[in-house]
N, C-alpha and C. Protein backbone atom coordinates (compact mmCIF):
# COMPACT_ATOMS: atom_id res chain seq x y z
N MET A 1 -5.21 44.37 23.64
CA MET A 1 -5.18 45.79 23.40
C MET A 1 -4.50 46.12 22.09
N ALA A 2 -3.44 45.38 21.79
CA ALA A 2 -2.72 45.64 20.55
C ALA A 2 -3.61 45.40 19.34
N LEU A 3 -4.54 44.48 19.44
CA LEU A 3 -5.42 44.19 18.31
C LEU A 3 -6.40 45.31 18.05
N THR A 4 -6.72 46.12 19.05
CA THR A 4 -7.68 47.21 18.85
C THR A 4 -7.01 48.49 18.37
N ARG A 5 -5.70 48.57 18.46
CA ARG A 5 -4.99 49.80 18.10
C ARG A 5 -5.01 50.00 16.58
N ASP A 6 -5.36 51.19 16.17
CA ASP A 6 -5.38 51.55 14.75
C ASP A 6 -4.79 52.95 14.62
N ASP A 7 -3.53 53.04 14.23
CA ASP A 7 -2.84 54.32 14.15
C ASP A 7 -3.41 55.24 13.08
N ARG A 8 -4.25 54.71 12.20
CA ARG A 8 -4.85 55.56 11.16
C ARG A 8 -5.85 56.55 11.75
N VAL A 9 -6.41 56.25 12.92
CA VAL A 9 -7.37 57.17 13.53
C VAL A 9 -6.85 57.74 14.84
N ALA A 10 -5.57 57.61 15.09
CA ALA A 10 -5.00 58.10 16.33
C ALA A 10 -4.86 59.62 16.31
N SER A 11 -5.17 60.23 17.42
CA SER A 11 -4.92 61.66 17.58
C SER A 11 -3.78 61.82 18.58
N ALA A 12 -3.20 62.99 18.60
CA ALA A 12 -2.12 63.24 19.55
C ALA A 12 -2.62 63.09 20.98
N ALA A 13 -3.81 63.59 21.26
CA ALA A 13 -4.37 63.49 22.61
C ALA A 13 -4.65 62.03 22.97
N GLY A 14 -5.22 61.28 22.02
CA GLY A 14 -5.50 59.87 22.27
C GLY A 14 -4.23 59.07 22.51
N ALA A 15 -3.20 59.37 21.72
CA ALA A 15 -1.92 58.69 21.90
C ALA A 15 -1.30 59.04 23.25
N ALA A 16 -1.43 60.29 23.65
CA ALA A 16 -0.87 60.71 24.94
C ALA A 16 -1.59 60.02 26.09
N ILE A 17 -2.90 59.92 25.98
CA ILE A 17 -3.68 59.22 27.01
C ILE A 17 -3.27 57.76 27.06
N GLY A 18 -3.19 57.12 25.91
CA GLY A 18 -2.79 55.71 25.85
C GLY A 18 -1.40 55.50 26.41
N ASN A 19 -0.47 56.38 26.05
CA ASN A 19 0.90 56.26 26.56
C ASN A 19 0.97 56.46 28.07
N ALA A 20 0.19 57.39 28.58
CA ALA A 20 0.16 57.62 30.03
C ALA A 20 -0.38 56.41 30.77
N LEU A 21 -1.40 55.79 30.21
CA LEU A 21 -1.97 54.60 30.84
C LEU A 21 -1.01 53.41 30.77
N VAL A 22 -0.32 53.26 29.65
CA VAL A 22 0.68 52.19 29.53
C VAL A 22 1.79 52.41 30.55
N ALA A 23 2.21 53.65 30.72
CA ALA A 23 3.25 53.97 31.71
C ALA A 23 2.75 53.68 33.12
N ARG A 24 1.48 53.97 33.37
CA ARG A 24 0.89 53.69 34.69
C ARG A 24 0.90 52.19 34.96
N VAL A 25 0.51 51.39 34.00
CA VAL A 25 0.51 49.93 34.18
C VAL A 25 1.94 49.44 34.42
N ALA A 26 2.90 49.97 33.69
CA ALA A 26 4.30 49.57 33.87
C ALA A 26 4.80 49.93 35.27
N ALA A 27 4.41 51.10 35.76
CA ALA A 27 4.81 51.51 37.11
C ALA A 27 4.19 50.59 38.16
N ILE A 28 2.95 50.24 37.97
CA ILE A 28 2.28 49.31 38.90
C ILE A 28 2.96 47.95 38.85
N ASP A 29 3.28 47.49 37.65
CA ASP A 29 3.97 46.20 37.52
C ASP A 29 5.31 46.21 38.25
N ALA A 30 6.02 47.33 38.17
CA ALA A 30 7.30 47.45 38.88
C ALA A 30 7.09 47.39 40.38
N GLU A 31 6.05 48.04 40.85
CA GLU A 31 5.73 48.00 42.28
C GLU A 31 5.34 46.58 42.72
N LEU A 32 4.57 45.90 41.89
CA LEU A 32 4.16 44.53 42.21
C LEU A 32 5.35 43.57 42.28
N ALA A 33 6.41 43.88 41.58
CA ALA A 33 7.60 43.02 41.56
C ALA A 33 8.47 43.22 42.81
N ARG A 34 8.21 44.28 43.57
CA ARG A 34 9.01 44.54 44.77
C ARG A 34 8.72 43.48 45.82
N PRO A 35 9.76 42.96 46.44
CA PRO A 35 9.54 42.00 47.53
C PRO A 35 9.05 42.72 48.79
N GLY A 36 8.35 41.98 49.62
CA GLY A 36 7.95 42.50 50.92
C GLY A 36 6.66 43.29 50.95
N LEU A 37 5.89 43.28 49.88
CA LEU A 37 4.61 43.99 49.90
C LEU A 37 3.63 43.25 50.79
N SER A 38 2.84 44.00 51.52
CA SER A 38 1.78 43.38 52.32
C SER A 38 0.65 42.94 51.39
N GLU A 39 -0.21 42.11 51.91
CA GLU A 39 -1.36 41.66 51.11
C GLU A 39 -2.24 42.85 50.73
N ALA A 40 -2.41 43.80 51.64
CA ALA A 40 -3.22 44.99 51.37
C ALA A 40 -2.59 45.84 50.27
N GLN A 41 -1.26 46.01 50.32
CA GLN A 41 -0.57 46.78 49.28
C GLN A 41 -0.70 46.09 47.92
N ARG A 42 -0.50 44.78 47.91
CA ARG A 42 -0.60 44.01 46.68
C ARG A 42 -2.01 44.11 46.09
N THR A 43 -3.00 43.99 46.95
CA THR A 43 -4.40 44.08 46.50
C THR A 43 -4.70 45.46 45.93
N ALA A 44 -4.24 46.51 46.60
CA ALA A 44 -4.48 47.88 46.11
C ALA A 44 -3.80 48.09 44.75
N LEU A 45 -2.60 47.57 44.60
CA LEU A 45 -1.90 47.69 43.32
C LEU A 45 -2.65 46.96 42.22
N TRP A 46 -3.13 45.77 42.51
CA TRP A 46 -3.88 45.01 41.50
C TRP A 46 -5.16 45.73 41.10
N HIS A 47 -5.83 46.32 42.08
CA HIS A 47 -7.04 47.11 41.74
C HIS A 47 -6.68 48.28 40.84
N GLY A 48 -5.58 48.95 41.15
CA GLY A 48 -5.13 50.06 40.31
C GLY A 48 -4.75 49.60 38.92
N ARG A 49 -4.12 48.43 38.83
CA ARG A 49 -3.72 47.88 37.53
C ARG A 49 -4.95 47.57 36.67
N VAL A 50 -5.92 46.93 37.28
CA VAL A 50 -7.15 46.59 36.56
C VAL A 50 -7.86 47.85 36.09
N ALA A 51 -7.92 48.87 36.95
CA ALA A 51 -8.57 50.13 36.56
C ALA A 51 -7.85 50.78 35.39
N ALA A 52 -6.51 50.81 35.43
CA ALA A 52 -5.74 51.40 34.34
C ALA A 52 -5.93 50.62 33.05
N LEU A 53 -5.95 49.30 33.13
CA LEU A 53 -6.15 48.48 31.93
C LEU A 53 -7.54 48.69 31.35
N ARG A 54 -8.54 48.81 32.20
CA ARG A 54 -9.90 49.08 31.71
C ARG A 54 -9.95 50.40 30.96
N GLN A 55 -9.30 51.41 31.53
CA GLN A 55 -9.26 52.71 30.85
C GLN A 55 -8.52 52.60 29.52
N LEU A 56 -7.41 51.89 29.52
CA LEU A 56 -6.61 51.74 28.31
C LEU A 56 -7.39 51.02 27.22
N VAL A 57 -8.11 49.99 27.58
CA VAL A 57 -8.90 49.25 26.60
C VAL A 57 -10.00 50.13 26.01
N GLY A 58 -10.45 51.12 26.76
CA GLY A 58 -11.49 52.02 26.27
C GLY A 58 -10.98 53.13 25.37
N VAL A 59 -9.68 53.38 25.37
CA VAL A 59 -9.13 54.51 24.59
C VAL A 59 -9.34 54.30 23.10
N GLU A 60 -8.96 53.16 22.57
CA GLU A 60 -9.02 52.93 21.12
C GLU A 60 -10.46 52.97 20.58
N PRO A 61 -11.40 52.25 21.18
CA PRO A 61 -12.77 52.33 20.64
C PRO A 61 -13.36 53.73 20.75
N THR A 62 -13.05 54.42 21.83
CA THR A 62 -13.56 55.79 21.99
C THR A 62 -12.97 56.70 20.92
N GLU A 63 -11.67 56.54 20.67
CA GLU A 63 -11.03 57.37 19.65
C GLU A 63 -11.64 57.09 18.28
N ARG A 64 -11.92 55.84 17.98
CA ARG A 64 -12.56 55.51 16.69
C ARG A 64 -13.95 56.13 16.61
N TRP A 65 -14.72 56.03 17.69
CA TRP A 65 -16.06 56.59 17.70
C TRP A 65 -15.99 58.10 17.46
N LEU A 66 -15.08 58.77 18.16
CA LEU A 66 -14.92 60.21 17.98
C LEU A 66 -14.52 60.55 16.55
N ALA A 67 -13.61 59.75 15.95
CA ALA A 67 -13.17 60.00 14.58
C ALA A 67 -14.33 59.86 13.60
N VAL A 68 -15.16 58.85 13.80
CA VAL A 68 -16.31 58.63 12.91
C VAL A 68 -17.26 59.82 12.98
N HIS A 69 -17.34 60.43 14.15
CA HIS A 69 -18.26 61.56 14.33
C HIS A 69 -17.56 62.91 14.17
N GLY A 70 -16.35 62.89 13.61
CA GLY A 70 -15.65 64.14 13.31
C GLY A 70 -15.15 64.88 14.53
N ARG A 71 -14.89 64.14 15.59
CA ARG A 71 -14.40 64.77 16.82
C ARG A 71 -13.08 64.13 17.22
N ALA A 72 -12.45 64.68 18.23
CA ALA A 72 -11.18 64.15 18.73
C ALA A 72 -11.16 64.28 20.24
N TYR A 73 -10.18 63.64 20.87
CA TYR A 73 -10.06 63.75 22.32
C TYR A 73 -9.87 65.19 22.77
N GLY A 74 -9.36 66.02 21.92
CA GLY A 74 -9.19 67.43 22.27
C GLY A 74 -10.52 68.09 22.58
N ASP A 75 -11.61 67.53 22.06
CA ASP A 75 -12.94 68.07 22.31
C ASP A 75 -13.54 67.54 23.62
N ALA A 76 -12.93 66.50 24.18
CA ALA A 76 -13.51 65.84 25.34
C ALA A 76 -12.68 66.12 26.59
N SER A 77 -13.34 66.08 27.72
CA SER A 77 -12.64 66.20 29.00
C SER A 77 -12.14 64.84 29.41
N VAL A 78 -10.86 64.75 29.72
CA VAL A 78 -10.26 63.46 30.06
C VAL A 78 -9.35 63.66 31.26
N HIS A 79 -9.33 62.68 32.17
CA HIS A 79 -8.45 62.74 33.34
C HIS A 79 -7.75 61.42 33.46
N VAL A 80 -6.43 61.44 33.52
CA VAL A 80 -5.62 60.24 33.71
C VAL A 80 -4.82 60.42 34.98
N ASP A 81 -4.97 59.48 35.92
CA ASP A 81 -4.20 59.55 37.18
C ASP A 81 -2.77 59.19 36.96
């Protein structure tokens, strides 16, 4: 993910989305480190982690595409859990 980041085309909205997703992954990682999780809880957390990482990996290329076309995340509808 760090290799795809290019602050030259970052927008405030894109950075906020990226930061929210990084925080989400960190929160999931903290939960995964807790002892005593059931297999179902651990599996659900891993699914959530993978989903957040997929979204995060999509932020940078999408932001570049929008920049090339003269648009920004402010023009797009975005939802981050």
